[in-house]
Amino acid sequence: MRPLTDRTPKPLLTVAGTPLIDRHLRALAHAGMTSVVVNLSWLGAQIRAHLGDGARYGVHVQYSEEGPEPLETGGGIFRALPLLGPDPFLVINGDVWTDYPLGQLNAARVRESDAHLVLVPNPPQHPRGDFALSAAHVCEDGEPRLTYSGIGLFRPEFFSSCSDGRFPLLPLFRRAIARGRLTGEAYEGQWSDIGTPERLASLDSRVRIESSA
């Protein structure tokens, strides 16, 4: 995302004038989720200054510091576990834009699994996808292939045997798949991964046009 992220952290990049993280917090509040943990690393002080305690969004924000080097998604979540408590918790990546109804991700989704993922149709930049679905269980093989959206519901137990440090989620997904403990759903609504300045500009233009229609 450089040069955009040289001075601005990804979650504060804007679509139609609204920072990505503002949209997430308002969607969480609308879904009735009022306790939020935000992971901070690159330019994290800007995010803390922008969000404050979260009151203006209708949520209470706590912060988990990853340090100057990001811990990747898995390591960042593990670092935040003491703030997240013993119950299932929702994770949403700070660099996606979506209209997914977050209120659908309640504890019932992980009644018989350790995590539940929202999967989306493969975007052009990721044509082979990540996983498939079979009877609501995520599997590595099968058709159609789908892409992990960066949205999921997790039990703290999903991270058992992990230790503090930098690590990705994929090996944990594969471990849960092998145990039959990873469920998922396909979502056909709006979703964009803000991975390049060009994709951000395209989304911004589309949302502005749709908003003015």
Protein backbone atom coordinates (compact mmCIF):
# COMPACT_ATOMS: atom_id res chain seq x y z
CA MET A 1 0.00 0.00 0.00
CA ARG A 2 2.97 2.33 -0.13
CA PRO A 3 3.25 5.25 -0.48
CA LEU A 4 -0.18 5.63 1.16
CA THR A 5 0.87 3.76 4.30
CA ASP A 6 4.20 5.55 4.72
CA ARG A 7 2.38 8.08 6.89
CA THR A 8 -1.05 6.54 7.47
CA PRO A 9 -1.79 3.07 8.92
CA LYS A 10 -4.05 0.92 6.73
CA PRO A 11 -7.11 1.04 9.04
CA LEU A 12 -7.18 4.84 8.73
CA LEU A 13 -7.25 4.85 4.94
CA THR A 14 -10.60 6.15 3.75
CA VAL A 15 -13.32 4.95 1.41
CA ALA A 16 -15.75 7.70 0.41
CA GLY A 17 -14.34 9.84 3.21
CA THR A 18 -14.75 7.24 5.99
CA PRO A 19 -11.75 5.46 7.56
CA LEU A 20 -11.96 1.68 7.22
CA ILE A 21 -11.81 1.17 10.98
CA ASP A 22 -14.61 3.68 11.61
CA ARG A 23 -16.88 1.61 9.38
CA HIS A 24 -15.94 -1.55 11.30
CA LEU A 25 -16.62 -0.03 14.72
CA ARG A 26 -20.01 1.32 13.67
CA ALA A 27 -20.94 -2.05 12.19
CA LEU A 28 -19.89 -3.79 15.41
CA ALA A 29 -21.96 -1.38 17.50
CA HIS A 30 -24.95 -1.88 15.18
CA ALA A 31 -24.59 -5.64 15.71
CA GLY A 32 -24.69 -5.15 19.49
CA MET A 33 -20.98 -5.78 20.10
CA THR A 34 -19.71 -3.09 22.42
CA SER A 35 -16.32 -4.36 23.66
CA VAL A 36 -13.55 -4.07 21.06
CA VAL A 37 -9.82 -4.83 21.11
CA VAL A 38 -7.70 -3.08 18.46
CA ASN A 39 -4.23 -4.43 17.67
CA LEU A 40 -1.59 -1.75 17.17
CA SER A 41 1.75 -1.87 15.41
CA TRP A 42 2.88 0.33 12.48
CA LEU A 43 1.87 3.94 13.23
CA GLY A 44 -0.39 2.58 15.95
CA ALA A 45 -0.32 5.84 17.90
CA GLN A 46 -2.35 7.43 15.10
CA ILE A 47 -5.07 4.80 15.49
CA ARG A 48 -5.16 5.24 19.27
CA ALA A 49 -5.42 9.02 18.90
CA HIS A 50 -8.16 8.71 16.28
CA LEU A 51 -10.36 6.19 18.11
CA GLY A 52 -9.80 7.17 21.72
CA ASP A 53 -11.93 5.04 24.03
CA GLY A 54 -14.44 4.34 21.25
CA ALA A 55 -17.33 6.14 22.95
CA ARG A 56 -18.27 8.16 19.86
CA TYR A 57 -18.84 4.90 17.99
CA GLY A 58 -20.91 3.33 20.75
CA VAL A 59 -18.22 0.84 21.78
CA HIS A 60 -15.47 0.53 24.39
CA VAL A 61 -12.03 0.16 22.81
CA GLN A 62 -8.99 -1.44 24.42
CA TYR A 63 -5.62 -1.69 22.71
CA SER A 64 -3.17 -4.57 22.32
CA GLU A 65 0.36 -3.49 21.42
CA GLU A 66 2.22 -5.74 18.99
CA GLY A 67 5.37 -3.64 19.00
CA PRO A 68 7.21 -2.09 16.04
CA GLU A 69 7.20 -5.38 14.07
CA PRO A 70 3.69 -6.72 13.34
CA LEU A 71 3.04 -10.20 14.72
CA GLU A 72 0.94 -11.33 11.71
CA THR A 73 -2.70 -12.17 12.24
CA GLY A 74 -2.19 -15.24 14.41
CA GLY A 75 0.44 -13.69 16.65
CA GLY A 76 -1.55 -10.49 16.98
CA ILE A 77 -4.69 -12.31 18.11
CA PHE A 78 -2.73 -14.47 20.54
CA ARG A 79 -1.15 -11.36 22.11
CA ALA A 80 -4.65 -9.90 22.58
CA LEU A 81 -6.19 -13.00 24.21
CA PRO A 82 -5.90 -11.70 27.81
CA LEU A 83 -8.11 -8.76 26.80
CA LEU A 84 -10.61 -10.90 24.91
CA GLY A 85 -11.79 -13.11 27.75
CA PRO A 86 -13.00 -16.75 27.80
CA ASP A 87 -15.91 -16.49 25.35
CA PRO A 88 -15.91 -16.74 21.53
CA PHE A 89 -14.82 -13.50 19.87
CA LEU A 90 -15.16 -11.97 16.41
CA VAL A 91 -12.12 -11.00 14.35
CA ILE A 92 -12.23 -8.61 11.40
CA ASN A 93 -9.14 -7.49 9.52
CA GLY A 94 -8.54 -3.76 9.50
CA ASP A 95 -7.87 -3.65 5.76
CA VAL A 96 -11.13 -5.04 4.37
CA TRP A 97 -14.34 -3.25 3.36
CA THR A 98 -17.62 -5.16 3.52
CA ASP A 99 -21.34 -5.03 4.17
CA TYR A 100 -21.36 -8.44 5.88
CA PRO A 101 -23.93 -8.41 8.75
CA LEU A 102 -21.63 -8.99 11.70
CA GLY A 103 -24.55 -9.79 14.00
CA GLN A 104 -24.75 -13.21 12.31
CA LEU A 105 -21.52 -14.25 14.02
CA ASN A 106 -22.79 -15.32 17.42
CA ALA A 107 -21.67 -18.08 19.76
CA ALA A 108 -24.02 -20.59 18.12
CA ARG A 109 -21.72 -20.58 15.09
CA VAL A 110 -18.95 -22.28 17.09
CA ARG A 111 -21.11 -24.67 19.09
CA GLU A 112 -19.37 -27.65 17.47
CA SER A 113 -16.17 -26.07 16.21
CA ASP A 114 -13.22 -23.97 17.35
CA ALA A 115 -13.67 -21.29 14.68
CA HIS A 116 -16.14 -20.22 12.00
CA LEU A 117 -14.91 -18.39 8.89
CA VAL A 118 -16.66 -16.13 6.42
CA LEU A 119 -15.55 -17.07 2.91
CA VAL A 120 -16.14 -14.99 -0.22
CA PRO A 121 -15.89 -15.50 -4.00
CA ASN A 122 -12.29 -15.32 -5.15
CA PRO A 123 -11.18 -11.80 -6.08
CA PRO A 124 -9.12 -11.28 -9.27
CA GLN A 125 -5.88 -11.02 -7.28
CA HIS A 126 -6.49 -14.39 -5.59
CA PRO A 127 -8.12 -16.58 -8.26
CA ARG A 128 -7.33 -19.97 -6.69
CA GLY A 129 -8.86 -19.12 -3.33
CA ASP A 130 -8.01 -20.66 0.03
CA PHE A 131 -10.57 -23.29 0.99
CA ALA A 132 -13.78 -25.06 0.04
CA LEU A 133 -16.92 -25.87 2.01
CA SER A 134 -18.50 -29.26 2.62
CA ALA A 135 -21.66 -29.40 4.73
CA ALA A 136 -20.65 -26.13 6.45
CA HIS A 137 -17.18 -27.48 7.28
CA VAL A 138 -14.10 -25.79 5.85
CA CYS A 139 -11.84 -28.13 3.88
CA GLU A 140 -8.64 -27.70 1.90
CA ASP A 141 -9.84 -29.52 -1.20
CA GLY A 142 -13.03 -29.27 -3.20
CA GLU A 143 -14.99 -26.95 -5.46
CA PRO A 144 -15.87 -24.18 -5.62
CA ARG A 145 -12.78 -22.62 -4.14
CA LEU A 146 -13.40 -19.61 -1.88
CA THR A 147 -11.27 -16.94 -0.19
CA TYR A 148 -11.03 -16.28 3.54
CA SER A 149 -12.51 -12.80 4.04
CA GLY A 150 -10.55 -11.84 7.15
CA ILE A 151 -13.78 -12.17 9.16
CA GLY A 152 -14.31 -15.02 11.60
CA LEU A 153 -15.49 -16.13 15.00
CA PHE A 154 -12.95 -17.86 17.23
CA ARG A 155 -12.87 -19.71 20.50
CA PRO A 156 -9.80 -18.98 22.65
CA GLU A 157 -9.13 -22.74 22.47
CA PHE A 158 -8.35 -22.32 18.77
CA PHE A 159 -5.00 -20.89 19.89
CA SER A 160 -4.12 -23.65 22.36
CA SER A 161 -0.47 -24.72 22.13
CA CYS A 162 0.50 -21.33 20.62
CA SER A 163 3.06 -19.07 22.23
CA ASP A 164 3.71 -15.35 22.06
CA GLY A 165 5.44 -14.21 18.91
CA ARG A 166 4.97 -13.77 15.18
CA PHE A 167 2.92 -16.44 13.36
CA PRO A 168 0.21 -16.71 10.67
CA LEU A 169 -3.25 -18.23 10.96
CA LEU A 170 -2.98 -20.73 8.10
CA PRO A 171 -1.26 -23.54 10.07
CA LEU A 172 -3.94 -23.20 12.77
CA PHE A 173 -6.68 -23.38 10.14
CA ARG A 174 -5.13 -26.57 8.77
CA ARG A 175 -4.89 -28.09 12.24
CA ALA A 176 -8.56 -27.32 12.89
CA ILE A 177 -9.56 -28.74 9.48
CA ALA A 178 -7.73 -31.98 10.27
CA ARG A 179 -9.72 -32.23 13.50
CA GLY A 180 -13.03 -31.40 11.84
CA ARG A 181 -13.22 -28.30 14.04
CA LEU A 182 -13.40 -25.51 11.44
CA THR A 183 -16.77 -24.42 10.05
CA GLY A 184 -17.60 -21.68 7.59
CA GLU A 185 -20.13 -19.96 5.37
CA ALA A 186 -20.06 -18.38 1.93
CA TYR A 187 -20.98 -14.71 1.64
CA GLU A 188 -21.97 -13.25 -1.73
CA GLY A 189 -22.34 -9.61 -0.65
CA GLN A 190 -19.92 -6.72 -0.93
CA TRP A 191 -16.35 -7.38 0.15
CA SER A 192 -13.03 -5.85 -0.88
CA ASP A 193 -9.48 -6.47 0.24
CA ILE A 194 -7.65 -3.13 0.33
CA GLY A 195 -4.28 -4.49 -0.77
CA THR A 196 -3.06 -1.90 -3.27
CA PRO A 197 -3.58 1.84 -3.90
CA GLU A 198 -5.30 0.93 -7.16
CA ARG A 199 -7.85 -1.34 -5.46
CA LEU A 200 -8.51 1.34 -2.85
CA ALA A 201 -9.06 3.99 -5.53
CA SER A 202 -11.40 1.70 -7.47
CA LEU A 203 -13.46 0.91 -4.38
CA ASP A 204 -13.58 4.55 -3.36
CA SER A 205 -14.89 5.55 -6.78
CA ARG A 206 -17.52 2.80 -6.79
CA VAL A 207 -18.81 3.57 -3.30
CA ARG A 208 -19.03 7.29 -4.06
CA ILE A 209 -21.05 6.57 -7.21
CA GLU A 210 -23.37 4.19 -5.37
CA SER A 211 -23.83 6.67 -2.51
CA SER A 212 -24.86 9.44 -4.88
CA ALA A 213 -27.22 7.29 -6.96
